[in-house]
Structures are given as C-alpha cells and as structure tokens.
Amino acid sequence: MATTETPHIPGYRIERIIGKGAMSTVYQAVQESLDRRVALKVLAPGMAADPTLGKRFVKEGKIIAKLGHPHIVTIYDTGMHQDCSYIAMEYLEGGTLKERIKAGLSPEQAVKVLVQIAQALGYAHRQNCIHRDIKPANILFRDQETAVLSDFGIAKNLEDKTQLTAAGWRIGTPNYMSPEQALGKPLDARCDLYSLGVVFYEMLTGSRPFKGADAFETAILHVKGPIPTLPEPVRRFQPVIDRVLAKTPEARFASAEELARAVQQAATAPAAGNTVVRSRWRWSPWLRAALLAAVLLGLGVLLAWRFWPVTTHAPQPPTPVQPR
C-alpha cells in the first residue's frame, strides 16, 4: 500500500488525517459498530516491516489500555489488518497544548494544566510506567477545561525487561528531554517531571527555557545550561522551576504529586498574603473621619502652644517697712 493511500481497516470509516509523524498517521474515523467517532492511529507501512517498531506500536496500545485515568487518553481497540497496525482511541476535539501556548495562557491556566497532567503522570508512575516524551503536542484537550496525556509510543513499563531500543539510544524530544535522557543514562519517573517542568516554563513564558541552534546544542543546554529566571509577573514560580529542572534526578521533586502541591502553593500564597494585608487596614468611613479629626485637633494644640503670646509682668518694688 502506498503511503499516500487511505488505509482500509474493517469496522472503521476513515474521514480525514488529523496528525502525521515519522512513524504513524492519525486519522479521524468512525467506529461503525457503535457509530462512535475515534482517532485511529496507523503505523506507517514502511515502519511495519521493522519488527522492533511493530512491537513498540503494539506495546503502546497495551500500555495505555491498562492506564484508566481521566487525564489519560482512552484506548478502544488495537489490532492489525494486512499490513496495517492500528490503535483506535478516544477522539479529542479540544486541540493541543502546543496550539494553546501559541495563543497565550494565563498563569492560572498553566497551573491547571500542569496539575492535571501531573495527576496523570502520578497514576502512570504508580503503575510502573514512565512516558519519556512529555511535550505540548502530546497533551490534548477533551474540552475547554480538561487536559489529556496521549502518545505513549516510547513509554516504558519498568517491570518489563524487554529491550526495544539499542543501548544508549536517546529517546524523546530534545526540546523537552531531561539531562539523563540526553546522556543516554537509565531513566526513572523523574525524567517525566523534568519534561513537564519544561512544558510548565513554556506555558508561563511562551518560550522554552533551553533553545540551541540545533538538537545537539539544545540537548547540551539541558545538561549544562543554567536555569533561566522567570519574568517578574510569574516570578513566584521560580523555586518550583529551579527544583523541577534540576540537573540531577535526586534534586528534583520525588513525585508528580509533590510537584503539583508545590505549584498550587506557589500560585495561591501571594493572593492569600494580599488578602490579609487588605483586611488588616480596611477601616470604616467614620473611623477614618475620627482619625482625621484627632490629627487636626492635635495639630491645633501644637500650633497654639507654639505661637500663643506669653504676658510678662514687671517686678514690683518691695513694700517699705513702716517704723514703729
């Protein structure tokens, strides 16, 4: 089948392409048995001939199928027809986080997205699964408010000892890759937290923290570059960024839940402090009038004391003593 042809998969009516990558194409389709709209991810025919890539594609479907969570995309079906390996999943109409970052996000929106994806990652990590490719293009929206993590194509089940990549092969996207990924070191859940930290920085500022001239230079910046300072309007999140983007996993947050709590605390602490200050000095009109009257009275007394004329009396001669 030529790569330009629309695949034929029994039970599905394909309508249009909604996404395309080097390894697969995602179609909007209808699952005919249920008259349900789905996203149909189909492995590229040239990739299907590679047994390693084929196994990884099948593995993606199995991994997501085990992860039932409100902020993780739902898998409906997976299978193979002739030379087409496919995964049928929930169709998400709200677009991608990449598109929303381009349009601009408020700090409150950025915090909400981070917390939702952190919840998804926390759940996946408790199932011994690390994503390894957290980036805005892989965060979709079910509706205006609900972020959903997708594309577990290079996810790793830590209990699965099967090696589907060559030793030392760097996986992930360089723009969001943790230092240990860039160096080809063993990975744990904290690599996902680092990548989510990069995404959070981008949501807050509109740009990534590390941008090199090419993929190699960008990876080096993740390994050695200093963590940039957030602009003043979102500076309250700097301690979170400093920790989540730490160069070593040990210096980062221990879990996705801990990261989410730290971000929520940073988001709410300034507002709470301002409320306390305002309420402390919120005086009623009569109290302000009384204070002003007291000040004016005190000023009048001071001026009277300073400028009031003082009367002096000349000394009187002593009364003469009459002789007896």
C-alpha atoms as a PDB file:
ATOM      1  CA  MET A   1       0.000   0.000   0.000  1.00  0.00           C
ATOM      2  CA  ALA A   2       1.447   3.386  -0.961  1.00  0.00           C
ATOM      3  CA  THR A   3       1.949   5.880   1.836  1.00  0.00           C
ATOM      4  CA  THR A   4      -0.417   8.344   0.157  1.00  0.00           C
ATOM      5  CA  GLU A   5      -3.350   5.914   0.144  1.00  0.00           C
ATOM      6  CA  THR A   6      -6.007   5.877   2.819  1.00  0.00           C
ATOM      7  CA  PRO A   7      -5.817   2.539   4.638  1.00  0.00           C
ATOM      8  CA  HIS A   8      -8.772   0.196   4.744  1.00  0.00           C
ATOM      9  CA  ILE A   9      -9.478  -1.239   8.186  1.00  0.00           C
ATOM     10  CA  PRO A  10     -12.656  -3.319   8.604  1.00  0.00           C
ATOM     11  CA  GLY A  11     -15.134  -1.765  11.024  1.00  0.00           C
ATOM     12  CA  TYR A  12     -13.818   1.788  10.628  1.00  0.00           C
ATOM     13  CA  ARG A  13     -14.756   4.536   8.190  1.00  0.00           C
ATOM     14  CA  ILE A  14     -11.823   6.909   7.832  1.00  0.00           C
ATOM     15  CA  GLU A  15     -12.744  10.558   7.237  1.00  0.00           C
ATOM     16  CA  ARG A  16      -9.578  12.648   7.283  1.00  0.00           C
ATOM     17  CA  ILE A  17      -5.986  12.969   8.550  1.00  0.00           C
ATOM     18  CA  ILE A  18      -5.670  14.846  11.826  1.00  0.00           C
ATOM     19  CA  GLY A  19      -1.986  14.248  12.560  1.00  0.00           C
ATOM     20  CA  LYS A  20       1.093  12.764  10.961  1.00  0.00           C
ATOM     21  CA  GLY A  21       4.547  11.818  12.198  1.00  0.00           C
ATOM     22  CA  ALA A  22       7.544   9.842  11.016  1.00  0.00           C
ATOM     23  CA  MET A  23       6.215   6.572  12.443  1.00  0.00           C
ATOM     24  CA  SER A  24       2.444   6.868  12.178  1.00  0.00           C
ATOM     25  CA  THR A  25      -0.556   8.775  10.892  1.00  0.00           C
ATOM     26  CA  VAL A  26      -3.618   9.630  12.963  1.00  0.00           C
ATOM     27  CA  TYR A  27      -6.995   9.703  11.226  1.00  0.00           C
ATOM     28  CA  GLN A  28     -10.400  10.910  12.302  1.00  0.00           C
ATOM     29  CA  ALA A  29     -12.648   7.901  11.797  1.00  0.00           C
ATOM     30  CA  VAL A  30     -15.977   6.401  12.787  1.00  0.00           C
ATOM     31  CA  GLN A  31     -16.193   3.046  14.560  1.00  0.00           C
ATOM     32  CA  GLU A  32     -19.139   1.696  12.589  1.00  0.00           C
ATOM     33  CA  SER A  33     -20.397  -0.873  15.104  1.00  0.00           C
ATOM     34  CA  LEU A  34     -21.033   1.840  17.701  1.00  0.00           C
ATOM     35  CA  ASP A  35     -21.319   4.836  15.386  1.00  0.00           C
ATOM     36  CA  ARG A  36     -18.599   6.389  17.511  1.00  0.00           C
ATOM     37  CA  ARG A  37     -16.031   8.917  16.358  1.00  0.00           C
ATOM     38  CA  VAL A  38     -12.472   7.805  17.130  1.00  0.00           C
ATOM     39  CA  ALA A  39      -8.874   8.749  16.481  1.00  0.00           C
ATOM     40  CA  LEU A  40      -7.295   5.938  14.503  1.00  0.00           C
ATOM     41  CA  LYS A  41      -3.528   5.752  14.792  1.00  0.00           C
ATOM     42  CA  VAL A  42      -1.996   3.696  11.983  1.00  0.00           C
ATOM     43  CA  LEU A  43       1.641   2.620  11.834  1.00  0.00           C
ATOM     44  CA  ALA A  44       3.346   3.738   8.629  1.00  0.00           C
ATOM     45  CA  PRO A  45       3.655   0.784   6.189  1.00  0.00           C
ATOM     46  CA  GLY A  46       7.407   1.189   5.933  1.00  0.00           C
ATOM     47  CA  MET A  47       7.698   1.019   9.704  1.00  0.00           C
ATOM     48  CA  ALA A  48       5.513  -2.075   9.941  1.00  0.00           C
ATOM     49  CA  ALA A  49       8.243  -4.059   8.194  1.00  0.00           C
ATOM     50  CA  ASP A  50      10.582  -3.360  11.136  1.00  0.00           C
ATOM     51  CA  PRO A  51       9.727  -5.928  13.831  1.00  0.00           C
ATOM     52  CA  THR A  52      11.079  -3.698  16.616  1.00  0.00           C
ATOM     53  CA  LEU A  53       8.900  -0.757  15.645  1.00  0.00           C
ATOM     54  CA  GLY A  54       5.912  -3.028  15.179  1.00  0.00           C
ATOM     55  CA  LYS A  55       6.366  -4.437  18.672  1.00  0.00           C
ATOM     56  CA  ARG A  56       6.693  -0.951  20.121  1.00  0.00           C
ATOM     57  CA  PHE A  57       3.467   0.121  18.426  1.00  0.00           C
ATOM     58  CA  VAL A  58       1.548  -2.867  19.788  1.00  0.00           C
ATOM     59  CA  LYS A  59       3.079  -2.237  23.193  1.00  0.00           C
ATOM     60  CA  GLU A  60       1.812   1.363  23.181  1.00  0.00           C
ATOM     61  CA  GLY A  61      -1.772   0.176  22.864  1.00  0.00           C
ATOM     62  CA  LYS A  62      -1.361  -2.333  25.672  1.00  0.00           C
ATOM     63  CA  ILE A  63       0.249   0.235  27.981  1.00  0.00           C
ATOM     64  CA  ILE A  64      -2.475   2.873  27.540  1.00  0.00           C
ATOM     65  CA  ALA A  65      -5.239   0.259  27.788  1.00  0.00           C
ATOM     66  CA  LYS A  66      -4.055  -0.507  31.336  1.00  0.00           C
ATOM     67  CA  LEU A  67      -3.993   3.157  32.354  1.00  0.00           C
ATOM     68  CA  GLY A  68      -7.593   4.089  33.059  1.00  0.00           C
ATOM     69  CA  HIS A  69      -7.430   7.721  34.191  1.00  0.00           C
ATOM     70  CA  PRO A  70      -9.494  10.857  33.427  1.00  0.00           C
ATOM     71  CA  HIS A  71      -6.398  12.672  32.153  1.00  0.00           C
ATOM     72  CA  ILE A  72      -5.005   9.825  30.017  1.00  0.00           C
ATOM     73  CA  VAL A  73      -6.414   9.118  26.551  1.00  0.00           C
ATOM     74  CA  THR A  74      -8.754   6.112  26.403  1.00  0.00           C
ATOM     75  CA  ILE A  75      -7.976   3.147  24.131  1.00  0.00           C
ATOM     76  CA  TYR A  76     -10.924   1.387  22.447  1.00  0.00           C
ATOM     77  CA  ASP A  77      -9.250  -1.191  20.229  1.00  0.00           C
ATOM     78  CA  THR A  78      -5.957  -2.302  18.757  1.00  0.00           C
ATOM     79  CA  GLY A  79      -5.139  -4.768  16.042  1.00  0.00           C
ATOM     80  CA  MET A  80      -3.685  -5.458  12.620  1.00  0.00           C
ATOM     81  CA  HIS A  81      -5.263  -5.836   9.193  1.00  0.00           C
ATOM     82  CA  GLN A  82      -2.990  -6.940   6.340  1.00  0.00           C
ATOM     83  CA  ASP A  83      -0.033  -4.540   6.632  1.00  0.00           C
ATOM     84  CA  CYS A  84      -1.862  -2.005   8.861  1.00  0.00           C
ATOM     85  CA  SER A  85      -1.191  -1.988  12.600  1.00  0.00           C
ATOM     86  CA  TYR A  86      -3.648   0.347  14.273  1.00  0.00           C
ATOM     87  CA  ILE A  87      -4.841   1.726  17.601  1.00  0.00           C
ATOM     88  CA  ALA A  88      -8.367   3.131  17.944  1.00  0.00           C
ATOM     89  CA  MET A  89      -8.615   5.686  20.713  1.00  0.00           C
ATOM     90  CA  GLU A  90     -10.802   8.437  22.053  1.00  0.00           C
ATOM     91  CA  TYR A  91     -11.218  11.374  19.682  1.00  0.00           C
ATOM     92  CA  LEU A  92     -10.297  14.612  21.472  1.00  0.00           C
ATOM     93  CA  GLU A  93     -11.786  17.747  19.944  1.00  0.00           C
ATOM     94  CA  GLY A  94     -10.144  20.454  22.070  1.00  0.00           C
ATOM     95  CA  GLY A  95      -6.834  20.726  20.208  1.00  0.00           C
ATOM     96  CA  THR A  96      -3.328  20.516  21.636  1.00  0.00           C
ATOM     97  CA  LEU A  97      -1.447  22.364  24.338  1.00  0.00           C
ATOM     98  CA  LYS A  98       1.034  23.414  21.650  1.00  0.00           C
ATOM     99  CA  GLU A  99      -1.746  25.405  19.973  1.00  0.00           C
ATOM    100  CA  ARG A 100      -2.858  26.968  23.254  1.00  0.00           C
ATOM    101  CA  ILE A 101       0.657  28.074  24.161  1.00  0.00           C
ATOM    102  CA  LYS A 102       0.872  29.883  20.822  1.00  0.00           C
ATOM    103  CA  ALA A 103      -2.422  31.646  21.611  1.00  0.00           C
ATOM    104  CA  GLY A 104      -1.232  32.533  25.108  1.00  0.00           C
ATOM    105  CA  LEU A 105      -2.087  31.127  28.542  1.00  0.00           C
ATOM    106  CA  SER A 106      -2.670  32.848  31.865  1.00  0.00           C
ATOM    107  CA  PRO A 107      -0.692  31.628  34.912  1.00  0.00           C
ATOM    108  CA  GLU A 108      -3.930  30.183  36.307  1.00  0.00           C
ATOM    109  CA  GLN A 109      -4.495  28.164  33.122  1.00  0.00           C
ATOM    110  CA  ALA A 110      -0.886  26.956  33.159  1.00  0.00           C
ATOM    111  CA  VAL A 111      -1.230  25.775  36.758  1.00  0.00           C
ATOM    112  CA  LYS A 112      -4.467  23.924  35.950  1.00  0.00           C
ATOM    113  CA  VAL A 113      -2.910  22.079  33.008  1.00  0.00           C
ATOM    114  CA  LEU A 114       0.203  21.165  34.984  1.00  0.00           C
ATOM    115  CA  VAL A 115      -1.826  19.786  37.895  1.00  0.00           C
ATOM    116  CA  GLN A 116      -3.998  17.660  35.592  1.00  0.00           C
ATOM    117  CA  ILE A 117      -1.042  16.196  33.705  1.00  0.00           C
ATOM    118  CA  ALA A 118       0.841  15.661  36.969  1.00  0.00           C
ATOM    119  CA  GLN A 119      -2.144  13.641  38.193  1.00  0.00           C
ATOM    120  CA  ALA A 120      -1.987  11.538  35.021  1.00  0.00           C
ATOM    121  CA  LEU A 121       1.753  11.001  35.413  1.00  0.00           C
ATOM    122  CA  GLY A 122       1.438  10.194  39.090  1.00  0.00           C
ATOM    123  CA  TYR A 123      -1.061   7.475  38.236  1.00  0.00           C
ATOM    124  CA  ALA A 124       1.102   6.111  35.388  1.00  0.00           C
ATOM    125  CA  HIS A 125       4.187   6.123  37.591  1.00  0.00           C
ATOM    126  CA  ARG A 126       2.368   4.154  40.289  1.00  0.00           C
ATOM    127  CA  GLN A 127       1.696   1.560  37.570  1.00  0.00           C
ATOM    128  CA  ASN A 128       5.471   1.484  36.926  1.00  0.00           C
ATOM    129  CA  CYS A 129       5.081   3.265  33.586  1.00  0.00           C
ATOM    130  CA  ILE A 130       7.144   6.275  32.513  1.00  0.00           C
ATOM    131  CA  HIS A 131       6.110   8.265  29.441  1.00  0.00           C
ATOM    132  CA  ARG A 132       9.521   9.579  28.279  1.00  0.00           C
ATOM    133  CA  ASP A 133       8.090  12.026  25.712  1.00  0.00           C
ATOM    134  CA  ILE A 134       6.178  14.739  27.580  1.00  0.00           C
ATOM    135  CA  LYS A 135       5.702  17.769  25.312  1.00  0.00           C
ATOM    136  CA  PRO A 136       2.881  20.185  24.378  1.00  0.00           C
ATOM    137  CA  ALA A 137       1.997  18.268  21.194  1.00  0.00           C
ATOM    138  CA  ASN A 138       1.289  15.169  23.299  1.00  0.00           C
ATOM    139  CA  ILE A 139      -1.088  16.984  25.660  1.00  0.00           C
ATOM    140  CA  LEU A 140      -4.574  17.235  24.168  1.00  0.00           C
ATOM    141  CA  PHE A 141      -7.887  18.625  25.416  1.00  0.00           C
ATOM    142  CA  ARG A 142     -11.123  16.712  25.791  1.00  0.00           C
ATOM    143  CA  ASP A 143     -12.937  20.025  26.202  1.00  0.00           C
ATOM    144  CA  GLN A 144     -12.019  23.580  27.121  1.00  0.00           C
ATOM    145  CA  GLU A 145     -11.007  22.644  30.668  1.00  0.00           C
ATOM    146  CA  THR A 146      -9.733  19.052  30.589  1.00  0.00           C
ATOM    147  CA  ALA A 147      -6.157  18.225  29.579  1.00  0.00           C
ATOM    148  CA  VAL A 148      -5.370  14.654  28.497  1.00  0.00           C
ATOM    149  CA  LEU A 149      -1.987  12.963  28.136  1.00  0.00           C
ATOM    150  CA  SER A 150      -1.533  10.967  24.935  1.00  0.00           C
ATOM    151  CA  ASP A 151       1.105   9.290  22.746  1.00  0.00           C
ATOM    152  CA  PHE A 152       2.727   6.612  24.854  1.00  0.00           C
ATOM    153  CA  GLY A 153       4.674   5.396  21.823  1.00  0.00           C
ATOM    154  CA  ILE A 154       8.004   5.339  23.654  1.00  0.00           C
ATOM    155  CA  ALA A 155       6.624   4.735  27.138  1.00  0.00           C
ATOM    156  CA  LYS A 156       8.444   2.197  29.278  1.00  0.00           C
ATOM    157  CA  ASN A 157       6.994  -0.267  31.748  1.00  0.00           C
ATOM    158  CA  LEU A 158       9.668  -0.516  34.414  1.00  0.00           C
ATOM    159  CA  GLU A 159       8.650  -4.106  35.157  1.00  0.00           C
ATOM    160  CA  ASP A 160       9.152  -5.102  31.512  1.00  0.00           C
ATOM    161  CA  LYS A 161      12.764  -6.082  30.902  1.00  0.00           C
ATOM    162  CA  THR A 162      12.312  -6.336  27.125  1.00  0.00           C
ATOM    163  CA  GLN A 163      14.795  -4.073  25.353  1.00  0.00           C
ATOM    164  CA  LEU A 164      13.162  -2.472  22.309  1.00  0.00           C
ATOM    165  CA  THR A 165      15.821   0.166  21.774  1.00  0.00           C
ATOM    166  CA  ALA A 166      19.549  -0.073  21.297  1.00  0.00           C
ATOM    167  CA  ALA A 167      21.588   0.501  24.417  1.00  0.00           C
ATOM    168  CA  GLY A 168      22.358   4.180  24.855  1.00  0.00           C
ATOM    169  CA  TRP A 169      19.889   5.253  22.159  1.00  0.00           C
ATOM    170  CA  ARG A 170      18.484   8.662  23.083  1.00  0.00           C
ATOM    171  CA  ILE A 171      14.716   8.711  23.011  1.00  0.00           C
ATOM    172  CA  GLY A 172      12.399  11.636  23.465  1.00  0.00           C
ATOM    173  CA  THR A 173      12.215  15.131  22.018  1.00  0.00           C
ATOM    174  CA  PRO A 174      15.425  17.221  22.507  1.00  0.00           C
ATOM    175  CA  ASN A 175      13.475  20.392  23.351  1.00  0.00           C
ATOM    176  CA  TYR A 176      11.912  18.670  26.401  1.00  0.00           C
ATOM    177  CA  MET A 177      14.494  15.979  27.127  1.00  0.00           C
ATOM    178  CA  SER A 178      15.892  15.507  30.638  1.00  0.00           C
ATOM    179  CA  PRO A 179      19.673  15.620  31.103  1.00  0.00           C
ATOM    180  CA  GLU A 180      19.794  11.900  31.807  1.00  0.00           C
ATOM    181  CA  GLN A 181      17.869  11.195  28.581  1.00  0.00           C
ATOM    182  CA  ALA A 182      20.286  13.369  26.620  1.00  0.00           C
ATOM    183  CA  LEU A 183      23.205  11.431  28.112  1.00  0.00           C
ATOM    184  CA  GLY A 184      21.632   8.021  27.442  1.00  0.00           C
ATOM    185  CA  LYS A 185      21.508   7.141  31.150  1.00  0.00           C
ATOM    186  CA  PRO A 186      18.959   4.886  32.874  1.00  0.00           C
ATOM    187  CA  LEU A 187      15.646   6.655  33.437  1.00  0.00           C
ATOM    188  CA  ASP A 188      13.031   6.732  36.149  1.00  0.00           C
ATOM    189  CA  ALA A 189       9.816   8.696  36.725  1.00  0.00           C
ATOM    190  CA  ARG A 190      11.724  11.904  37.499  1.00  0.00           C
ATOM    191  CA  CYS A 191      12.640  12.299  33.822  1.00  0.00           C
ATOM    192  CA  ASP A 192       8.927  12.866  33.136  1.00  0.00           C
ATOM    193  CA  LEU A 193       8.819  15.530  35.868  1.00  0.00           C
ATOM    194  CA  TYR A 194      11.722  17.369  34.244  1.00  0.00           C
ATOM    195  CA  SER A 195       9.976  17.368  30.858  1.00  0.00           C
ATOM    196  CA  LEU A 196       6.737  18.557  32.472  1.00  0.00           C
ATOM    197  CA  GLY A 197       8.767  21.335  34.127  1.00  0.00           C
ATOM    198  CA  VAL A 198       9.990  22.462  30.702  1.00  0.00           C
ATOM    199  CA  VAL A 199       6.385  22.472  29.483  1.00  0.00           C
ATOM    200  CA  PHE A 200       5.321  24.496  32.544  1.00  0.00           C
ATOM    201  CA  TYR A 201       8.054  27.078  31.880  1.00  0.00           C
ATOM    202  CA  GLU A 202       6.856  27.354  28.288  1.00  0.00           C
ATOM    203  CA  MET A 203       3.227  27.762  29.385  1.00  0.00           C
ATOM    204  CA  LEU A 204       4.239  30.602  31.745  1.00  0.00           C
ATOM    205  CA  THR A 205       6.513  32.471  29.330  1.00  0.00           C
ATOM    206  CA  GLY A 206       5.598  31.382  25.803  1.00  0.00           C
ATOM    207  CA  SER A 207       9.127  30.102  25.133  1.00  0.00           C
ATOM    208  CA  ARG A 208      11.239  27.127  26.172  1.00  0.00           C
ATOM    209  CA  PRO A 209      13.992  27.511  28.800  1.00  0.00           C
ATOM    210  CA  PHE A 210      16.688  25.977  26.585  1.00  0.00           C
ATOM    211  CA  LYS A 211      16.950  26.731  22.859  1.00  0.00           C
ATOM    212  CA  GLY A 212      20.066  25.791  20.930  1.00  0.00           C
ATOM    213  CA  ALA A 213      20.937  26.246  17.288  1.00  0.00           C
ATOM    214  CA  ASP A 214      20.193  22.557  16.677  1.00  0.00           C
ATOM    215  CA  ALA A 215      19.042  19.445  18.530  1.00  0.00           C
ATOM    216  CA  PHE A 216      22.549  18.636  19.784  1.00  0.00           C
ATOM    217  CA  GLU A 217      23.143  22.102  21.217  1.00  0.00           C
ATOM    218  CA  THR A 218      19.719  22.084  22.837  1.00  0.00           C
ATOM    219  CA  ALA A 219      20.491  18.741  24.498  1.00  0.00           C
ATOM    220  CA  ILE A 220      23.789  20.145  25.826  1.00  0.00           C
ATOM    221  CA  LEU A 221      21.958  23.109  27.316  1.00  0.00           C
ATOM    222  CA  HIS A 222      19.654  20.724  29.173  1.00  0.00           C
ATOM    223  CA  VAL A 223      22.737  19.000  30.572  1.00  0.00           C
ATOM    224  CA  LYS A 224      24.871  22.045  31.414  1.00  0.00           C
ATOM    225  CA  GLY A 225      22.939  25.268  30.833  1.00  0.00           C
ATOM    226  CA  PRO A 226      21.868  27.461  33.788  1.00  0.00           C
ATOM    227  CA  ILE A 227      18.190  27.512  34.633  1.00  0.00           C
ATOM    228  CA  PRO A 228      16.745  30.817  33.351  1.00  0.00           C
ATOM    229  CA  THR A 229      14.895  33.277  35.565  1.00  0.00           C
ATOM    230  CA  LEU A 230      11.175  33.721  35.110  1.00  0.00           C
ATOM    231  CA  PRO A 231       9.887  37.230  34.315  1.00  0.00           C
ATOM    232  CA  GLU A 232       8.531  39.269  37.219  1.00  0.00           C
ATOM    233  CA  PRO A 233       4.771  38.587  36.710  1.00  0.00           C
ATOM    234  CA  VAL A 234       5.345  34.843  37.304  1.00  0.00           C
ATOM    235  CA  ARG A 235       8.477  35.028  39.474  1.00  0.00           C
ATOM    236  CA  ARG A 236       6.625  33.358  42.353  1.00  0.00           C
ATOM    237  CA  PHE A 237       7.029  30.041  40.497  1.00  0.00           C
ATOM    238  CA  GLN A 238      10.837  30.318  40.313  1.00  0.00           C
ATOM    239  CA  PRO A 239      11.528  27.972  43.276  1.00  0.00           C
ATOM    240  CA  VAL A 240       9.394  25.319  41.566  1.00  0.00           C
ATOM    241  CA  ILE A 241      11.215  25.767  38.242  1.00  0.00           C
ATOM    242  CA  ASP A 242      14.623  25.652  39.962  1.00  0.00           C
ATOM    243  CA  ARG A 243      13.796  22.329  41.545  1.00  0.00           C
ATOM    244  CA  VAL A 244      11.911  20.568  38.761  1.00  0.00           C
ATOM    245  CA  LEU A 245      14.627  21.499  36.224  1.00  0.00           C
ATOM    246  CA  ALA A 246      17.489  20.410  38.463  1.00  0.00           C
ATOM    247  CA  LYS A 247      20.225  18.645  36.504  1.00  0.00           C
ATOM    248  CA  THR A 248      20.169  15.523  38.665  1.00  0.00           C
ATOM    249  CA  PRO A 249      17.027  13.467  39.385  1.00  0.00           C
ATOM    250  CA  GLU A 250      17.848  13.402  43.104  1.00  0.00           C
ATOM    251  CA  ALA A 251      17.485  17.190  43.350  1.00  0.00           C
ATOM    252  CA  ARG A 252      14.022  17.220  41.775  1.00  0.00           C
ATOM    253  CA  PHE A 253      10.619  16.570  43.271  1.00  0.00           C
ATOM    254  CA  ALA A 254      10.253  12.969  44.373  1.00  0.00           C
ATOM    255  CA  SER A 255       6.835  12.519  42.753  1.00  0.00           C
ATOM    256  CA  ALA A 256       4.328  14.142  40.419  1.00  0.00           C
ATOM    257  CA  GLU A 257       2.026  14.712  43.394  1.00  0.00           C
ATOM    258  CA  GLU A 258       4.730  16.668  45.216  1.00  0.00           C
ATOM    259  CA  LEU A 259       5.300  18.815  42.118  1.00  0.00           C
ATOM    260  CA  ALA A 260       1.568  19.555  41.819  1.00  0.00           C
ATOM    261  CA  ARG A 261       1.349  20.587  45.501  1.00  0.00           C
ATOM    262  CA  ALA A 262       4.339  22.913  45.183  1.00  0.00           C
ATOM    263  CA  VAL A 263       2.862  24.626  42.111  1.00  0.00           C
ATOM    264  CA  GLN A 264      -0.529  25.068  43.781  1.00  0.00           C
ATOM    265  CA  GLN A 265       1.094  26.552  46.886  1.00  0.00           C
ATOM    266  CA  ALA A 266       3.145  28.970  44.786  1.00  0.00           C
ATOM    267  CA  ALA A 267       0.009  30.000  42.907  1.00  0.00           C
ATOM    268  CA  THR A 268      -2.117  30.675  45.989  1.00  0.00           C
ATOM    269  CA  ALA A 269       0.345  32.056  48.551  1.00  0.00           C
ATOM    270  CA  PRO A 270       0.639  35.628  47.131  1.00  0.00           C
ATOM    271  CA  ALA A 271      -3.127  36.016  46.841  1.00  0.00           C
ATOM    272  CA  ALA A 272      -3.633  34.883  50.423  1.00  0.00           C
ATOM    273  CA  GLY A 273      -0.977  37.305  51.663  1.00  0.00           C
ATOM    274  CA  ASN A 274      -2.553  40.259  49.852  1.00  0.00           C
ATOM    275  CA  THR A 275      -5.954  39.429  51.318  1.00  0.00           C
ATOM    276  CA  VAL A 276      -4.566  39.518  54.840  1.00  0.00           C
ATOM    277  CA  VAL A 277      -2.919  42.881  54.305  1.00  0.00           C
ATOM    278  CA  ARG A 278      -6.032  44.437  52.794  1.00  0.00           C
ATOM    279  CA  SER A 279      -8.323  43.184  55.535  1.00  0.00           C
ATOM    280  CA  ARG A 280      -5.995  44.439  58.263  1.00  0.00           C
ATOM    281  CA  TRP A 281      -6.206  48.052  57.051  1.00  0.00           C
ATOM    282  CA  ARG A 282      -9.793  48.161  55.861  1.00  0.00           C
ATOM    283  CA  TRP A 283     -11.232  50.987  58.076  1.00  0.00           C
ATOM    284  CA  SER A 284     -14.812  52.222  58.013  1.00  0.00           C
ATOM    285  CA  PRO A 285     -15.584  55.839  56.929  1.00  0.00           C
ATOM    286  CA  TRP A 286     -16.437  57.023  60.463  1.00  0.00           C
ATOM    287  CA  LEU A 287     -13.178  55.655  61.803  1.00  0.00           C
ATOM    288  CA  ARG A 288     -11.199  57.477  59.116  1.00  0.00           C
ATOM    289  CA  ALA A 289     -13.118  60.723  59.922  1.00  0.00           C
ATOM    290  CA  ALA A 290     -12.394  60.323  63.642  1.00  0.00           C
ATOM    291  CA  LEU A 291      -8.714  59.786  62.918  1.00  0.00           C
ATOM    292  CA  LEU A 292      -8.591  62.897  60.729  1.00  0.00           C
ATOM    293  CA  ALA A 293     -10.334  64.975  63.445  1.00  0.00           C
ATOM    294  CA  ALA A 294      -7.872  63.726  66.048  1.00  0.00           C
ATOM    295  CA  VAL A 295      -4.931  64.646  63.855  1.00  0.00           C
ATOM    296  CA  LEU A 296      -6.311  68.138  63.196  1.00  0.00           C
ATOM    297  CA  LEU A 297      -7.012  68.678  66.898  1.00  0.00           C
ATOM    298  CA  GLY A 298      -3.517  67.610  67.809  1.00  0.00           C
ATOM    299  CA  LEU A 299      -2.084  69.939  65.181  1.00  0.00           C
ATOM    300  CA  GLY A 300      -4.174  72.830  66.518  1.00  0.00           C
ATOM    301  CA  VAL A 301      -2.968  72.247  70.080  1.00  0.00           C
ATOM    302  CA  LEU A 302       0.612  72.138  68.872  1.00  0.00           C
ATOM    303  CA  LEU A 303       0.268  75.402  66.955  1.00  0.00           C
ATOM    304  CA  ALA A 304      -1.466  77.116  69.903  1.00  0.00           C
ATOM    305  CA  TRP A 305       1.299  76.075  72.231  1.00  0.00           C
ATOM    306  CA  ARG A 306       3.965  77.267  69.814  1.00  0.00           C
ATOM    307  CA  PHE A 307       2.537  80.679  68.917  1.00  0.00           C
ATOM    308  CA  TRP A 308       0.307  81.712  71.895  1.00  0.00           C
ATOM    309  CA  PRO A 309       1.524  85.131  73.295  1.00  0.00           C
ATOM    310  CA  VAL A 310       3.083  84.992  76.752  1.00  0.00           C
ATOM    311  CA  THR A 311       2.381  88.023  79.137  1.00  0.00           C
ATOM    312  CA  THR A 312       5.281  89.100  81.359  1.00  0.00           C
ATOM    313  CA  HIS A 313       4.883  91.314  84.440  1.00  0.00           C
ATOM    314  CA  ALA A 314       7.493  93.871  85.592  1.00  0.00           C
ATOM    315  CA  PRO A 315       8.750  93.163  89.124  1.00  0.00           C
ATOM    316  CA  GLN A 316       7.053  95.338  91.849  1.00  0.00           C
ATOM    317  CA  PRO A 317       9.230  97.276  94.293  1.00  0.00           C
ATOM    318  CA  PRO A 318       9.220  95.879  97.818  1.00  0.00           C
ATOM    319  CA  THR A 319       6.714  97.412 100.233  1.00  0.00           C
ATOM    320  CA  PRO A 320       8.560  99.751 102.641  1.00  0.00           C
ATOM    321  CA  VAL A 321       8.586  98.752 106.266  1.00  0.00           C
ATOM    322  CA  GLN A 322       6.863 101.373 108.475  1.00  0.00           C
ATOM    323  CA  PRO A 323       8.778 102.393 111.610  1.00  0.00           C
ATOM    324  CA  ARG A 324       7.102 101.561 114.836  1.00  0.00           C
END
